[in-house]
Every structure is written in structure tokens, then in C-alpha cells.
Amino acid sequence: MPATRRATSMTLDAALLDEARALGVNLSRAAEEGILLQVRAERARRWKEDNAEAIADYNRWIEENGIPNMGIRIV
């Protein structure tokens, strides 16, 4: 099922907009791709922030106990 599209208004740097148009850049697609990258980055940042304590606990456990099954791992 195709994604639902919604019209929006943005304010952009005039020189950048002029160059993009001159180069034939699809502005909607470029904006969507840029927003998608930012959304992914923010999700990752928040996940790391939300899970920082658990990650620190796990790393501390590894430091104290070593890597599980290290004796049978093939490196």
C-alpha cells in the first residue's frame, strides 16, 4: 500500500533552492529523504539515551565476568 502524502509548506535557503531547481532536483523527494535521515538519527539517539543504563550495566557485567562462552567461540 503506497504511503499517504500530505502537502506542507517550508521555508528554505533561497540560494540552495535556486540551485536545486536549476539542477532538476525533485524537491519533495529530497526533503522527504532528508527528513527520513533525521528521523532515523533521532530515533537512534533516543534509543541510546533510553537504554544507556542497561547498556552500561551490560558492559559492567562483561568487564566483571568476561564474554559469555568465550572458551567455545571461534574467533
PDB file of N, CA and C in Angstrom:
ATOM      1  N   MET A   1       0.853  -1.177   0.000  1.00  0.00           N
ATOM      2  CA  MET A   1       0.000   0.000   0.000  1.00  0.00           C
ATOM      3  C   MET A   1       0.902   1.245   0.000  1.00  0.00           C
ATOM      4  N   PRO A   2       0.716   2.161  -0.935  1.00  0.00           N
ATOM      5  CA  PRO A   2       1.564   3.358  -1.006  1.00  0.00           C
ATOM      6  C   PRO A   2       1.353   4.265   0.199  1.00  0.00           C
ATOM      7  N   ALA A   3       2.416   4.987   0.534  1.00  0.00           N
ATOM      8  CA  ALA A   3       2.347   5.928   1.653  1.00  0.00           C
ATOM      9  C   ALA A   3       1.410   7.078   1.315  1.00  0.00           C
ATOM     10  N   THR A   4       0.699   7.531   2.324  1.00  0.00           N
ATOM     11  CA  THR A   4      -0.170   8.693   2.150  1.00  0.00           C
ATOM     12  C   THR A   4       0.695   9.942   2.102  1.00  0.00           C
ATOM     13  N   ARG A   5       0.426  10.799   1.188  1.00  0.00           N
ATOM     14  CA  ARG A   5       1.190  12.040   1.049  1.00  0.00           C
ATOM     15  C   ARG A   5       0.349  13.196   1.589  1.00  0.00           C
ATOM     16  N   ARG A   6       1.045  14.204   2.131  1.00  0.00           N
ATOM     17  CA  ARG A   6       0.367  15.381   2.661  1.00  0.00           C
ATOM     18  C   ARG A   6       1.166  16.613   2.228  1.00  0.00           C
ATOM     19  N   ALA A   7       0.483  17.599   1.704  1.00  0.00           N
ATOM     20  CA  ALA A   7       1.132  18.841   1.296  1.00  0.00           C
ATOM     21  C   ALA A   7       1.551  19.626   2.537  1.00  0.00           C
ATOM     22  N   THR A   8       2.689  20.327   2.409  1.00  0.00           N
ATOM     23  CA  THR A   8       3.177  21.148   3.511  1.00  0.00           C
ATOM     24  C   THR A   8       3.908  22.354   2.942  1.00  0.00           C
ATOM     25  N   SER A   9       4.177  23.296   3.790  1.00  0.00           N
ATOM     26  CA  SER A   9       4.900  24.494   3.387  1.00  0.00           C
ATOM     27  C   SER A   9       6.195  24.565   4.176  1.00  0.00           C
ATOM     28  N   MET A  10       7.300  24.909   3.490  1.00  0.00           N
ATOM     29  CA  MET A  10       8.604  25.027   4.148  1.00  0.00           C
ATOM     30  C   MET A  10       9.283  26.315   3.713  1.00  0.00           C
ATOM     31  N   THR A  11      10.117  26.807   4.587  1.00  0.00           N
ATOM     32  CA  THR A  11      10.965  27.941   4.253  1.00  0.00           C
ATOM     33  C   THR A  11      12.378  27.407   4.103  1.00  0.00           C
ATOM     34  N   LEU A  12      12.990  27.651   2.926  1.00  0.00           N
ATOM     35  CA  LEU A  12      14.312  27.118   2.625  1.00  0.00           C
ATOM     36  C   LEU A  12      15.260  28.235   2.218  1.00  0.00           C
ATOM     37  N   ASP A  13      16.546  27.976   2.339  1.00  0.00           N
ATOM     38  CA  ASP A  13      17.576  28.903   1.897  1.00  0.00           C
ATOM     39  C   ASP A  13      17.377  29.177   0.403  1.00  0.00           C
ATOM     40  N   ALA A  14      17.271  30.437   0.036  1.00  0.00           N
ATOM     41  CA  ALA A  14      16.951  30.819  -1.345  1.00  0.00           C
ATOM     42  C   ALA A  14      17.987  30.324  -2.341  1.00  0.00           C
ATOM     43  N   ALA A  15      19.267  30.477  -2.028  1.00  0.00           N
ATOM     44  CA  ALA A  15      20.321  30.062  -2.958  1.00  0.00           C
ATOM     45  C   ALA A  15      20.303  28.548  -3.148  1.00  0.00           C
ATOM     46  N   LEU A  16      20.107  27.830  -2.077  1.00  0.00           N
ATOM     47  CA  LEU A  16      20.048  26.377  -2.162  1.00  0.00           C
ATOM     48  C   LEU A  16      18.845  25.938  -2.991  1.00  0.00           C
ATOM     49  N   LEU A  17      17.715  26.558  -2.761  1.00  0.00           N
ATOM     50  CA  LEU A  17      16.503  26.247  -3.511  1.00  0.00           C
ATOM     51  C   LEU A  17      16.700  26.533  -5.000  1.00  0.00           C
ATOM     52  N   ASP A  18      17.291  27.676  -5.318  1.00  0.00           N
ATOM     53  CA  ASP A  18      17.549  28.027  -6.724  1.00  0.00           C
ATOM     54  C   ASP A  18      18.475  27.018  -7.394  1.00  0.00           C
ATOM     55  N   GLU A  19      19.534  26.611  -6.685  1.00  0.00           N
ATOM     56  CA  GLU A  19      20.476  25.647  -7.260  1.00  0.00           C
ATOM     57  C   GLU A  19      19.811  24.289  -7.451  1.00  0.00           C
ATOM     58  N   ALA A  20      19.036  23.864  -6.477  1.00  0.00           N
ATOM     59  CA  ALA A  20      18.347  22.580  -6.577  1.00  0.00           C
ATOM     60  C   ALA A  20      17.405  22.580  -7.782  1.00  0.00           C
ATOM     61  N   ARG A  21      16.666  23.645  -7.944  1.00  0.00           N
ATOM     62  CA  ARG A  21      15.755  23.736  -9.090  1.00  0.00           C
ATOM     63  C   ARG A  21      16.521  23.732 -10.404  1.00  0.00           C
ATOM     64  N   ALA A  22      17.646  24.478 -10.456  1.00  0.00           N
ATOM     65  CA  ALA A  22      18.457  24.543 -11.672  1.00  0.00           C
ATOM     66  C   ALA A  22      19.026  23.170 -12.030  1.00  0.00           C
ATOM     67  N   LEU A  23      19.297  22.356 -11.018  1.00  0.00           N
ATOM     68  CA  LEU A  23      19.848  21.029 -11.240  1.00  0.00           C
ATOM     69  C   LEU A  23      18.770  19.974 -11.466  1.00  0.00           C
ATOM     70  N   GLY A  24      17.520  20.373 -11.376  1.00  0.00           N
ATOM     71  CA  GLY A  24      16.423  19.443 -11.603  1.00  0.00           C
ATOM     72  C   GLY A  24      16.159  18.504 -10.438  1.00  0.00           C
ATOM     73  N   VAL A  25      16.554  18.911  -9.234  1.00  0.00           N
ATOM     74  CA  VAL A  25      16.334  18.078  -8.053  1.00  0.00           C
ATOM     75  C   VAL A  25      14.846  18.050  -7.736  1.00  0.00           C
ATOM     76  N   ASN A  26      14.326  16.875  -7.471  1.00  0.00           N
ATOM     77  CA  ASN A  26      12.940  16.729  -7.043  1.00  0.00           C
ATOM     78  C   ASN A  26      12.887  17.184  -5.585  1.00  0.00           C
ATOM     79  N   LEU A  27      12.348  18.370  -5.359  1.00  0.00           N
ATOM     80  CA  LEU A  27      12.374  18.976  -4.034  1.00  0.00           C
ATOM     81  C   LEU A  27      11.588  18.173  -3.006  1.00  0.00           C
ATOM     82  N   SER A  28      10.448  17.670  -3.382  1.00  0.00           N
ATOM     83  CA  SER A  28       9.650  16.882  -2.439  1.00  0.00           C
ATOM     84  C   SER A  28      10.395  15.628  -2.024  1.00  0.00           C
ATOM     85  N   ARG A  29      10.967  14.930  -2.996  1.00  0.00           N
ATOM     86  CA  ARG A  29      11.690  13.688  -2.697  1.00  0.00           C
ATOM     87  C   ARG A  29      12.932  14.003  -1.862  1.00  0.00           C
ATOM     88  N   ALA A  30      13.660  15.059  -2.205  1.00  0.00           N
ATOM     89  CA  ALA A  30      14.864  15.413  -1.453  1.00  0.00           C
ATOM     90  C   ALA A  30      14.520  15.786  -0.015  1.00  0.00           C
ATOM     91  N   ALA A  31      13.450  16.540   0.167  1.00  0.00           N
ATOM     92  CA  ALA A  31      13.021  16.907   1.518  1.00  0.00           C
ATOM     93  C   ALA A  31      12.614  15.667   2.295  1.00  0.00           C
ATOM     94  N   GLU A  32      11.873  14.782   1.660  1.00  0.00           N
ATOM     95  CA  GLU A  32      11.421  13.564   2.326  1.00  0.00           C
ATOM     96  C   GLU A  32      12.606  12.689   2.740  1.00  0.00           C
ATOM     97  N   GLU A  33      13.580  12.550   1.858  1.00  0.00           N
ATOM     98  CA  GLU A  33      14.763  11.743   2.177  1.00  0.00           C
ATOM     99  C   GLU A  33      15.562  12.368   3.320  1.00  0.00           C
ATOM    100  N   GLY A  34      15.696  13.695   3.286  1.00  0.00           N
ATOM    101  CA  GLY A  34      16.411  14.385   4.367  1.00  0.00           C
ATOM    102  C   GLY A  34      15.697  14.254   5.698  1.00  0.00           C
ATOM    103  N   ILE A  35      14.385  14.378   5.687  1.00  0.00           N
ATOM    104  CA  ILE A  35      13.600  14.233   6.914  1.00  0.00           C
ATOM    105  C   ILE A  35      13.703  12.804   7.431  1.00  0.00           C
ATOM    106  N   LEU A  36      13.659  11.827   6.526  1.00  0.00           N
ATOM    107  CA  LEU A  36      13.783  10.429   6.925  1.00  0.00           C
ATOM    108  C   LEU A  36      15.122  10.178   7.616  1.00  0.00           C
ATOM    109  N   LEU A  37      16.202  10.728   7.078  1.00  0.00           N
ATOM    110  CA  LEU A  37      17.509  10.577   7.711  1.00  0.00           C
ATOM    111  C   LEU A  37      17.519  11.173   9.112  1.00  0.00           C
ATOM    112  N   GLN A  38      16.915  12.335   9.261  1.00  0.00           N
ATOM    113  CA  GLN A  38      16.870  12.982  10.569  1.00  0.00           C
ATOM    114  C   GLN A  38      16.013  12.196  11.551  1.00  0.00           C
ATOM    115  N   VAL A  39      14.895  11.656  11.076  1.00  0.00           N
ATOM    116  CA  VAL A  39      14.022  10.858  11.941  1.00  0.00           C
ATOM    117  C   VAL A  39      14.766   9.611  12.416  1.00  0.00           C
ATOM    118  N   ARG A  40      15.464   8.943  11.514  1.00  0.00           N
ATOM    119  CA  ARG A  40      16.230   7.744  11.891  1.00  0.00           C
ATOM    120  C   ARG A  40      17.318   8.094  12.907  1.00  0.00           C
ATOM    121  N   ALA A  41      18.013   9.194  12.679  1.00  0.00           N
ATOM    122  CA  ALA A  41      19.069   9.607  13.601  1.00  0.00           C
ATOM    123  C   ALA A  41      18.492   9.930  14.975  1.00  0.00           C
ATOM    124  N   GLU A  42      17.362  10.602  15.011  1.00  0.00           N
ATOM    125  CA  GLU A  42      16.741  10.955  16.292  1.00  0.00           C
ATOM    126  C   GLU A  42      16.218   9.723  17.012  1.00  0.00           C
ATOM    127  N   ARG A  43      15.648   8.775  16.267  1.00  0.00           N
ATOM    128  CA  ARG A  43      15.206   7.519  16.889  1.00  0.00           C
ATOM    129  C   ARG A  43      16.389   6.802  17.523  1.00  0.00           C
ATOM    130  N   ALA A  44      17.506   6.731  16.800  1.00  0.00           N
ATOM    131  CA  ALA A  44      18.701   6.058  17.313  1.00  0.00           C
ATOM    132  C   ALA A  44      19.230   6.778  18.547  1.00  0.00           C
ATOM    133  N   ARG A  45      19.267   8.105  18.507  1.00  0.00           N
ATOM    134  CA  ARG A  45      19.743   8.878  19.655  1.00  0.00           C
ATOM    135  C   ARG A  45      18.877   8.616  20.872  1.00  0.00           C
ATOM    136  N   ARG A  46      17.567   8.637  20.677  1.00  0.00           N
ATOM    137  CA  ARG A  46      16.650   8.414  21.798  1.00  0.00           C
ATOM    138  C   ARG A  46      16.750   6.992  22.328  1.00  0.00           C
ATOM    139  N   TRP A  47      16.926   6.006  21.422  1.00  0.00           N
ATOM    140  CA  TRP A  47      17.068   4.626  21.865  1.00  0.00           C
ATOM    141  C   TRP A  47      18.307   4.488  22.746  1.00  0.00           C
ATOM    142  N   LYS A  48      19.417   5.084  22.291  1.00  0.00           N
ATOM    143  CA  LYS A  48      20.648   5.031  23.079  1.00  0.00           C
ATOM    144  C   LYS A  48      20.461   5.713  24.432  1.00  0.00           C
ATOM    145  N   GLU A  49      19.790   6.840  24.420  1.00  0.00           N
ATOM    146  CA  GLU A  49      19.526   7.570  25.665  1.00  0.00           C
ATOM    147  C   GLU A  49      18.631   6.746  26.595  1.00  0.00           C
ATOM    148  N   ASP A  50      17.560   6.184  26.049  1.00  0.00           N
ATOM    149  CA  ASP A  50      16.614   5.397  26.850  1.00  0.00           C
ATOM    150  C   ASP A  50      17.244   4.122  27.403  1.00  0.00           C
ATOM    151  N   ASN A  51      18.229   3.576  26.695  1.00  0.00           N
ATOM    152  CA  ASN A  51      18.830   2.311  27.081  1.00  0.00           C
ATOM    153  C   ASN A  51      20.248   2.445  27.643  1.00  0.00           C
ATOM    154  N   ALA A  52      20.678   3.664  27.899  1.00  0.00           N
ATOM    155  CA  ALA A  52      22.047   3.905  28.367  1.00  0.00           C
ATOM    156  C   ALA A  52      22.353   3.152  29.657  1.00  0.00           C
ATOM    157  N   GLU A  53      21.426   3.135  30.580  1.00  0.00           N
ATOM    158  CA  GLU A  53      21.657   2.458  31.857  1.00  0.00           C
ATOM    159  C   GLU A  53      21.824   0.950  31.656  1.00  0.00           C
ATOM    160  N   ALA A  54      20.955   0.355  30.853  1.00  0.00           N
ATOM    161  CA  ALA A  54      21.045  -1.083  30.596  1.00  0.00           C
ATOM    162  C   ALA A  54      22.339  -1.421  29.859  1.00  0.00           C
ATOM    163  N   ILE A  55      22.741  -0.594  28.925  1.00  0.00           N
ATOM    164  CA  ILE A  55      23.979  -0.824  28.183  1.00  0.00           C
ATOM    165  C   ILE A  55      25.174  -0.732  29.123  1.00  0.00           C
ATOM    166  N   ALA A  56      25.171   0.268  30.005  1.00  0.00           N
ATOM    167  CA  ALA A  56      26.256   0.420  30.981  1.00  0.00           C
ATOM    168  C   ALA A  56      26.299  -0.783  31.915  1.00  0.00           C
ATOM    169  N   ASP A  57      25.135  -1.244  32.372  1.00  0.00           N
ATOM    170  CA  ASP A  57      25.075  -2.433  33.236  1.00  0.00           C
ATOM    171  C   ASP A  57      25.642  -3.650  32.525  1.00  0.00           C
ATOM    172  N   TYR A  58      25.267  -3.837  31.275  1.00  0.00           N
ATOM    173  CA  TYR A  58      25.763  -4.980  30.498  1.00  0.00           C
ATOM    174  C   TYR A  58      27.276  -4.895  30.325  1.00  0.00           C
ATOM    175  N   ASN A  59      27.765  -3.711  29.969  1.00  0.00           N
ATOM    176  CA  ASN A  59      29.212  -3.540  29.794  1.00  0.00           C
ATOM    177  C   ASN A  59      29.959  -3.798  31.094  1.00  0.00           C
ATOM    178  N   ARG A  60      29.395  -3.352  32.200  1.00  0.00           N
ATOM    179  CA  ARG A  60      29.996  -3.586  33.510  1.00  0.00           C
ATOM    180  C   ARG A  60      30.033  -5.098  33.804  1.00  0.00           C
ATOM    181  N   TRP A  61      28.940  -5.802  33.488  1.00  0.00           N
ATOM    182  CA  TRP A  61      28.881  -7.245  33.704  1.00  0.00           C
ATOM    183  C   TRP A  61      29.954  -7.950  32.884  1.00  0.00           C
ATOM    184  N   ILE A  62      30.127  -7.542  31.637  1.00  0.00           N
ATOM    185  CA  ILE A  62      31.145  -8.133  30.763  1.00  0.00           C
ATOM    186  C   ILE A  62      32.537  -7.890  31.346  1.00  0.00           C
ATOM    187  N   GLU A  63      32.787  -6.680  31.838  1.00  0.00           N
ATOM    188  CA  GLU A  63      34.088  -6.374  32.440  1.00  0.00           C
ATOM    189  C   GLU A  63      34.356  -7.267  33.648  1.00  0.00           C
ATOM    190  N   GLU A  64      33.337  -7.517  34.442  1.00  0.00           N
ATOM    191  CA  GLU A  64      33.489  -8.310  35.661  1.00  0.00           C
ATOM    192  C   GLU A  64      33.525  -9.817  35.382  1.00  0.00           C
ATOM    193  N   ASN A  65      32.768 -10.273  34.393  1.00  0.00           N
ATOM    194  CA  ASN A  65      32.591 -11.706  34.168  1.00  0.00           C
ATOM    195  C   ASN A  65      33.181 -12.232  32.867  1.00  0.00           C
ATOM    196  N   GLY A  66      33.558 -11.359  31.994  1.00  0.00           N
ATOM    197  CA  GLY A  66      34.056 -11.766  30.695  1.00  0.00           C
ATOM    198  C   GLY A  66      32.912 -12.037  29.711  1.00  0.00           C
ATOM    199  N   ILE A  67      33.285 -12.314  28.490  1.00  0.00           N
ATOM    200  CA  ILE A  67      32.299 -12.560  27.442  1.00  0.00           C
ATOM    201  C   ILE A  67      31.766 -13.984  27.595  1.00  0.00           C
ATOM    202  N   PRO A  68      30.451 -14.149  27.639  1.00  0.00           N
ATOM    203  CA  PRO A  68      29.876 -15.483  27.793  1.00  0.00           C
ATOM    204  C   PRO A  68      30.332 -16.435  26.680  1.00  0.00           C
ATOM    205  N   ASN A  69      30.627 -17.680  27.055  1.00  0.00           N
ATOM    206  CA  ASN A  69      31.007 -18.734  26.114  1.00  0.00           C
ATOM    207  C   ASN A  69      32.291 -18.418  25.327  1.00  0.00           C
ATOM    208  N   MET A  70      33.129 -17.551  25.865  1.00  0.00           N
ATOM    209  CA  MET A  70      34.362 -17.188  25.152  1.00  0.00           C
ATOM    210  C   MET A  70      35.240 -18.412  24.909  1.00  0.00           C
ATOM    211  N   GLY A  71      35.179 -19.383  25.815  1.00  0.00           N
ATOM    212  CA  GLY A  71      36.009 -20.565  25.676  1.00  0.00           C
ATOM    213  C   GLY A  71      35.647 -21.436  24.490  1.00  0.00           C
ATOM    214  N   ILE A  72      34.418 -21.318  24.009  1.00  0.00           N
ATOM    215  CA  ILE A  72      33.998 -22.154  22.875  1.00  0.00           C
ATOM    216  C   ILE A  72      33.792 -21.344  21.599  1.00  0.00           C
ATOM    217  N   ARG A  73      34.065 -20.061  21.660  1.00  0.00           N
ATOM    218  CA  ARG A  73      33.889 -19.218  20.479  1.00  0.00           C
ATOM    219  C   ARG A  73      35.035 -19.420  19.503  1.00  0.00           C
ATOM    220  N   ILE A  74      34.728 -19.374  18.247  1.00  0.00           N
ATOM    221  CA  ILE A  74      35.746 -19.429  17.195  1.00  0.00           C
ATOM    222  C   ILE A  74      35.981 -18.009  16.717  1.00  0.00           C
ATOM    223  N   VAL A  75      37.198 -17.554  16.878  1.00  0.00           N
ATOM    224  CA  VAL A  75      37.499 -16.165  16.527  1.00  0.00           C
ATOM    225  C   VAL A  75      38.317 -16.108  15.267  1.00  0.00           C
TER     226      VAL A  75
END
